[in-house]
Amino acid sequence: MPRVLIIDDQKDVRAMVAILLRVNHFEVVEADSGAAGLKAFAESPFDAAIVDIFLGDTSGVDVIASLRERAPALPVIAVSGMTALDFMDQSPHLANVVCLQKPFRPNDLLQAMRNAQTAADGELSAAV
């Protein structure tokens, strides 16, 4: 079962994403801040990450860069409800990050998971 790290400071968004992924046979770990997400990532391996760009304690872009330093091929989905995410290609650590605008539908998230896996050339469950 693929493990996905969700880093989002909005409890309702984390809960919705976690439920959707669990129903689709993912193991999910939730983090409510960038620091908590990086700590969880350091403690155990993950197959993918979903990171909010605007976190209360830090920038999601910085969190993604840190994740990619540790695991360059990690499939990552960046989510935001506040801005277009077209700036993501400006850093080598952010290459192949799939961007998803909030609010999104469940099928949008599942498609983004497939796209992230393809972009990172990783392997996720066939259930995705």
C-alpha atoms as a PDB file:
ATOM      1  CA  MET A   1       0.000   0.000   0.000  1.00  0.00           C
ATOM      2  CA  PRO A   2       1.624   3.303  -1.075  1.00  0.00           C
ATOM      3  CA  ARG A   3       2.325   5.811   1.714  1.00  0.00           C
ATOM      4  CA  VAL A   4       1.382   9.437   1.123  1.00  0.00           C
ATOM      5  CA  LEU A   5       2.354  12.401   3.285  1.00  0.00           C
ATOM      6  CA  ILE A   6      -0.208  15.225   3.388  1.00  0.00           C
ATOM      7  CA  ILE A   7       1.166  18.563   4.600  1.00  0.00           C
ATOM      8  CA  ASP A   8      -1.591  21.158   4.940  1.00  0.00           C
ATOM      9  CA  ASP A   9      -2.395  23.535   7.796  1.00  0.00           C
ATOM     10  CA  GLN A  10      -6.128  23.405   7.042  1.00  0.00           C
ATOM     11  CA  LYS A  11      -7.587  20.528   9.045  1.00  0.00           C
ATOM     12  CA  ASP A  12     -10.667  20.147   6.814  1.00  0.00           C
ATOM     13  CA  VAL A  13      -8.580  19.906   3.641  1.00  0.00           C
ATOM     14  CA  ARG A  14      -6.240  17.341   5.218  1.00  0.00           C
ATOM     15  CA  ALA A  15      -9.185  15.274   6.400  1.00  0.00           C
ATOM     16  CA  MET A  16     -10.902  15.313   2.995  1.00  0.00           C
ATOM     17  CA  VAL A  17      -7.708  14.361   1.156  1.00  0.00           C
ATOM     18  CA  ALA A  18      -6.875  11.656   3.715  1.00  0.00           C
ATOM     19  CA  ILE A  19     -10.319  10.060   3.454  1.00  0.00           C
ATOM     20  CA  LEU A  20     -10.194  10.083  -0.335  1.00  0.00           C
ATOM     21  CA  LEU A  21      -6.755   8.475  -0.398  1.00  0.00           C
ATOM     22  CA  ARG A  22      -7.593   5.867   2.239  1.00  0.00           C
ATOM     23  CA  VAL A  23     -10.705   4.838   0.300  1.00  0.00           C
ATOM     24  CA  ASN A  24      -8.393   4.386  -2.701  1.00  0.00           C
ATOM     25  CA  HIS A  25      -6.009   2.103  -0.782  1.00  0.00           C
ATOM     26  CA  PHE A  26      -3.297   4.515   0.293  1.00  0.00           C
ATOM     27  CA  GLU A  27      -1.696   4.668   3.697  1.00  0.00           C
ATOM     28  CA  VAL A  28      -1.831   8.301   4.795  1.00  0.00           C
ATOM     29  CA  VAL A  29       0.173  10.356   7.275  1.00  0.00           C
ATOM     30  CA  GLU A  30      -1.084  13.876   7.988  1.00  0.00           C
ATOM     31  CA  ALA A  31       1.026  16.862   9.057  1.00  0.00           C
ATOM     32  CA  ASP A  32      -0.393  20.243  10.044  1.00  0.00           C
ATOM     33  CA  SER A  33       2.793  22.233   9.373  1.00  0.00           C
ATOM     34  CA  GLY A  34       5.904  22.197   7.266  1.00  0.00           C
ATOM     35  CA  ALA A  35       8.026  21.316  10.301  1.00  0.00           C
ATOM     36  CA  ALA A  36       5.761  18.389  11.229  1.00  0.00           C
ATOM     37  CA  GLY A  37       5.796  17.172   7.638  1.00  0.00           C
ATOM     38  CA  LEU A  38       9.577  17.283   7.368  1.00  0.00           C
ATOM     39  CA  LYS A  39       9.867  15.464  10.706  1.00  0.00           C
ATOM     40  CA  ALA A  40       7.491  12.714   9.538  1.00  0.00           C
ATOM     41  CA  PHE A  41       9.405  12.416   6.263  1.00  0.00           C
ATOM     42  CA  ALA A  42      12.700  12.067   8.134  1.00  0.00           C
ATOM     43  CA  GLU A  43      11.272   9.303  10.339  1.00  0.00           C
ATOM     44  CA  SER A  44       9.920   6.984   7.640  1.00  0.00           C
ATOM     45  CA  PRO A  45       9.751   6.615   3.852  1.00  0.00           C
ATOM     46  CA  PHE A  46       6.894   7.880   1.690  1.00  0.00           C
ATOM     47  CA  ASP A  47       5.867   7.126  -1.886  1.00  0.00           C
ATOM     48  CA  ALA A  48       4.385  10.591  -2.538  1.00  0.00           C
ATOM     49  CA  ALA A  49       3.646  13.932  -0.867  1.00  0.00           C
ATOM     50  CA  ILE A  50       0.844  16.473  -1.146  1.00  0.00           C
ATOM     51  CA  VAL A  51       2.004  19.885   0.057  1.00  0.00           C
ATOM     52  CA  ASP A  52       0.035  23.100   0.519  1.00  0.00           C
ATOM     53  CA  ILE A  53       2.012  26.072  -0.805  1.00  0.00           C
ATOM     54  CA  PHE A  54       0.837  28.472   1.904  1.00  0.00           C
ATOM     55  CA  LEU A  55       1.559  26.936   5.302  1.00  0.00           C
ATOM     56  CA  GLY A  56       1.342  28.843   8.570  1.00  0.00           C
ATOM     57  CA  ASP A  57       4.921  28.148   9.644  1.00  0.00           C
ATOM     58  CA  THR A  58       6.829  28.164   6.353  1.00  0.00           C
ATOM     59  CA  SER A  59       6.561  28.197   2.592  1.00  0.00           C
ATOM     60  CA  GLY A  60       5.343  25.004   0.953  1.00  0.00           C
ATOM     61  CA  VAL A  61       7.849  25.675  -1.821  1.00  0.00           C
ATOM     62  CA  ASP A  62      10.657  25.430   0.757  1.00  0.00           C
ATOM     63  CA  VAL A  63       9.136  22.231   2.158  1.00  0.00           C
ATOM     64  CA  ILE A  64       8.977  20.697  -1.330  1.00  0.00           C
ATOM     65  CA  ALA A  65      12.603  21.696  -1.958  1.00  0.00           C
ATOM     66  CA  SER A  66      13.621  20.004   1.318  1.00  0.00           C
ATOM     67  CA  LEU A  67      11.676  16.852   0.453  1.00  0.00           C
ATOM     68  CA  ARG A  68      13.265  16.735  -2.987  1.00  0.00           C
ATOM     69  CA  GLU A  69      16.764  17.196  -1.524  1.00  0.00           C
ATOM     70  CA  ARG A  70      16.163  14.042   0.508  1.00  0.00           C
ATOM     71  CA  ALA A  71      14.292  12.125  -2.215  1.00  0.00           C
ATOM     72  CA  PRO A  72      14.834  13.644  -5.689  1.00  0.00           C
ATOM     73  CA  ALA A  73      12.366  11.314  -7.446  1.00  0.00           C
ATOM     74  CA  LEU A  74       9.543  11.765  -4.910  1.00  0.00           C
ATOM     75  CA  PRO A  75       6.173  12.338  -6.621  1.00  0.00           C
ATOM     76  CA  VAL A  76       4.871  15.661  -5.278  1.00  0.00           C
ATOM     77  CA  ILE A  77       1.576  17.499  -5.666  1.00  0.00           C
ATOM     78  CA  ALA A  78       1.561  21.184  -4.732  1.00  0.00           C
ATOM     79  CA  VAL A  79      -1.859  22.577  -3.813  1.00  0.00           C
ATOM     80  CA  SER A  80      -2.981  26.159  -3.367  1.00  0.00           C
ATOM     81  CA  GLY A  81      -6.196  28.069  -3.214  1.00  0.00           C
ATOM     82  CA  MET A  82      -4.588  31.489  -3.356  1.00  0.00           C
ATOM     83  CA  THR A  83      -2.411  31.731  -6.439  1.00  0.00           C
ATOM     84  CA  ALA A  84      -1.523  30.266  -9.781  1.00  0.00           C
ATOM     85  CA  LEU A  85       1.283  27.774  -9.377  1.00  0.00           C
ATOM     86  CA  ASP A  86       3.118  28.496 -12.624  1.00  0.00           C
ATOM     87  CA  PHE A  87       6.240  29.661 -10.738  1.00  0.00           C
ATOM     88  CA  MET A  88       6.992  26.100  -9.631  1.00  0.00           C
ATOM     89  CA  ASP A  89       9.309  25.368 -12.575  1.00  0.00           C
ATOM     90  CA  GLN A  90      11.798  28.051 -11.486  1.00  0.00           C
ATOM     91  CA  SER A  91      13.801  25.808  -9.131  1.00  0.00           C
ATOM     92  CA  PRO A  92      15.462  22.485  -9.942  1.00  0.00           C
ATOM     93  CA  HIS A  93      13.991  21.015  -6.720  1.00  0.00           C
ATOM     94  CA  LEU A  94      10.514  21.847  -7.997  1.00  0.00           C
ATOM     95  CA  ALA A  95      10.832  20.238 -11.415  1.00  0.00           C
ATOM     96  CA  ASN A  96       8.066  17.747 -12.192  1.00  0.00           C
ATOM     97  CA  VAL A  97       5.876  18.925  -9.315  1.00  0.00           C
ATOM     98  CA  VAL A  98       2.204  18.547 -10.221  1.00  0.00           C
ATOM     99  CA  CYS A  99       0.126  21.579  -9.285  1.00  0.00           C
ATOM    100  CA  LEU A 100      -3.501  21.429  -8.189  1.00  0.00           C
ATOM    101  CA  GLN A 101      -5.696  24.460  -7.537  1.00  0.00           C
ATOM    102  CA  LYS A 102      -8.088  24.427  -4.542  1.00  0.00           C
ATOM    103  CA  PRO A 103     -10.916  23.703  -4.445  1.00  0.00           C
ATOM    104  CA  PHE A 104     -10.532  20.454  -6.361  1.00  0.00           C
ATOM    105  CA  ARG A 105     -12.754  17.458  -6.925  1.00  0.00           C
ATOM    106  CA  PRO A 106     -11.800  13.940  -5.798  1.00  0.00           C
ATOM    107  CA  ASN A 107     -11.125  12.828  -9.376  1.00  0.00           C
ATOM    108  CA  ASP A 108      -8.831  15.833  -9.866  1.00  0.00           C
ATOM    109  CA  LEU A 109      -6.721  14.698  -6.927  1.00  0.00           C
ATOM    110  CA  LEU A 110      -6.537  11.109  -8.134  1.00  0.00           C
ATOM    111  CA  GLN A 111      -5.522  12.312 -11.603  1.00  0.00           C
ATOM    112  CA  ALA A 112      -2.881  14.550 -10.030  1.00  0.00           C
ATOM    113  CA  MET A 113      -1.535  11.510  -8.142  1.00  0.00           C
ATOM    114  CA  ARG A 114      -1.218   9.634 -11.434  1.00  0.00           C
ATOM    115  CA  ASN A 115       0.442  12.640 -13.068  1.00  0.00           C
ATOM    116  CA  ALA A 116       2.876  13.092 -10.180  1.00  0.00           C
ATOM    117  CA  GLN A 117       3.861   9.450 -10.344  1.00  0.00           C
ATOM    118  CA  THR A 118       4.427   9.722 -14.085  1.00  0.00           C
ATOM    119  CA  ALA A 119       6.322  13.012 -13.776  1.00  0.00           C
ATOM    120  CA  ALA A 120       8.625  11.604 -11.101  1.00  0.00           C
ATOM    121  CA  ASP A 121       8.856   8.300 -12.961  1.00  0.00           C
ATOM    122  CA  GLY A 122       8.006   6.510  -9.755  1.00  0.00           C
ATOM    123  CA  GLU A 123       5.619   3.687  -9.044  1.00  0.00           C
ATOM    124  CA  LEU A 124       2.358   3.968  -7.178  1.00  0.00           C
ATOM    125  CA  SER A 125      -0.372   1.442  -6.818  1.00  0.00           C
ATOM    126  CA  ALA A 126      -2.345   0.443  -9.883  1.00  0.00           C
ATOM    127  CA  ALA A 127      -5.384   1.567  -7.869  1.00  0.00           C
ATOM    128  CA  VAL A 128      -4.454   5.170  -8.685  1.00  0.00           C
END
